[in-house]
């Protein structure tokens, strides 16, 4: 019995079972993020970034050469906002949105009526969306509706990213473009 206990103690001591680890750097954003080896993982990462209010992981879903086309209504209201909208503007609006929604929960993206087209280096998604975001801007609803058309493309690194996005209105509902316009200003 005593020899078994000594062997067990020796093994436990040799594997650093109780060693402390280095702490994460302050301000490091963590969260759910899957390496986007497939287009579906890009969408999973986008949903996770929204629900976790994680701006860094949200940005990682977009190609560096990202292009956005707002709804016709949003573009007509303020065309200057949309001129040259890139991944940088996408990240800036989302960071401002995260600040306005800090300490909230229930933020989520739901896609329905999804149509997909797959190719070797390009994947398209056309879907109806409901984006629930509990921000603190009373002039804008917390539930946004519309249709999204995403082109998800394989990058030179072999990973997938949203390369282009077109937003479409549905009836009189506020759209994702309206949310972006409110939080980029």
Foldseek 3Di string as FASTA:
>chain_A
DVVVVVVVVVVVVVPPPPPDDDDDDPPDDDWDADQQLDPVSLVVQCFGCQQVLPLVSNLVQADQQAAEAEAPVLCVVPVVVRVPDGSVLVSQLSNLLSVQQPPHGPWGKDWPPWDWDDDPFKIKIKTKIWTAGPGDDVVADRIAIWIKIWIWGQDPVSGIHTRYMYTYHDPPGHHPSNSSVVRSD
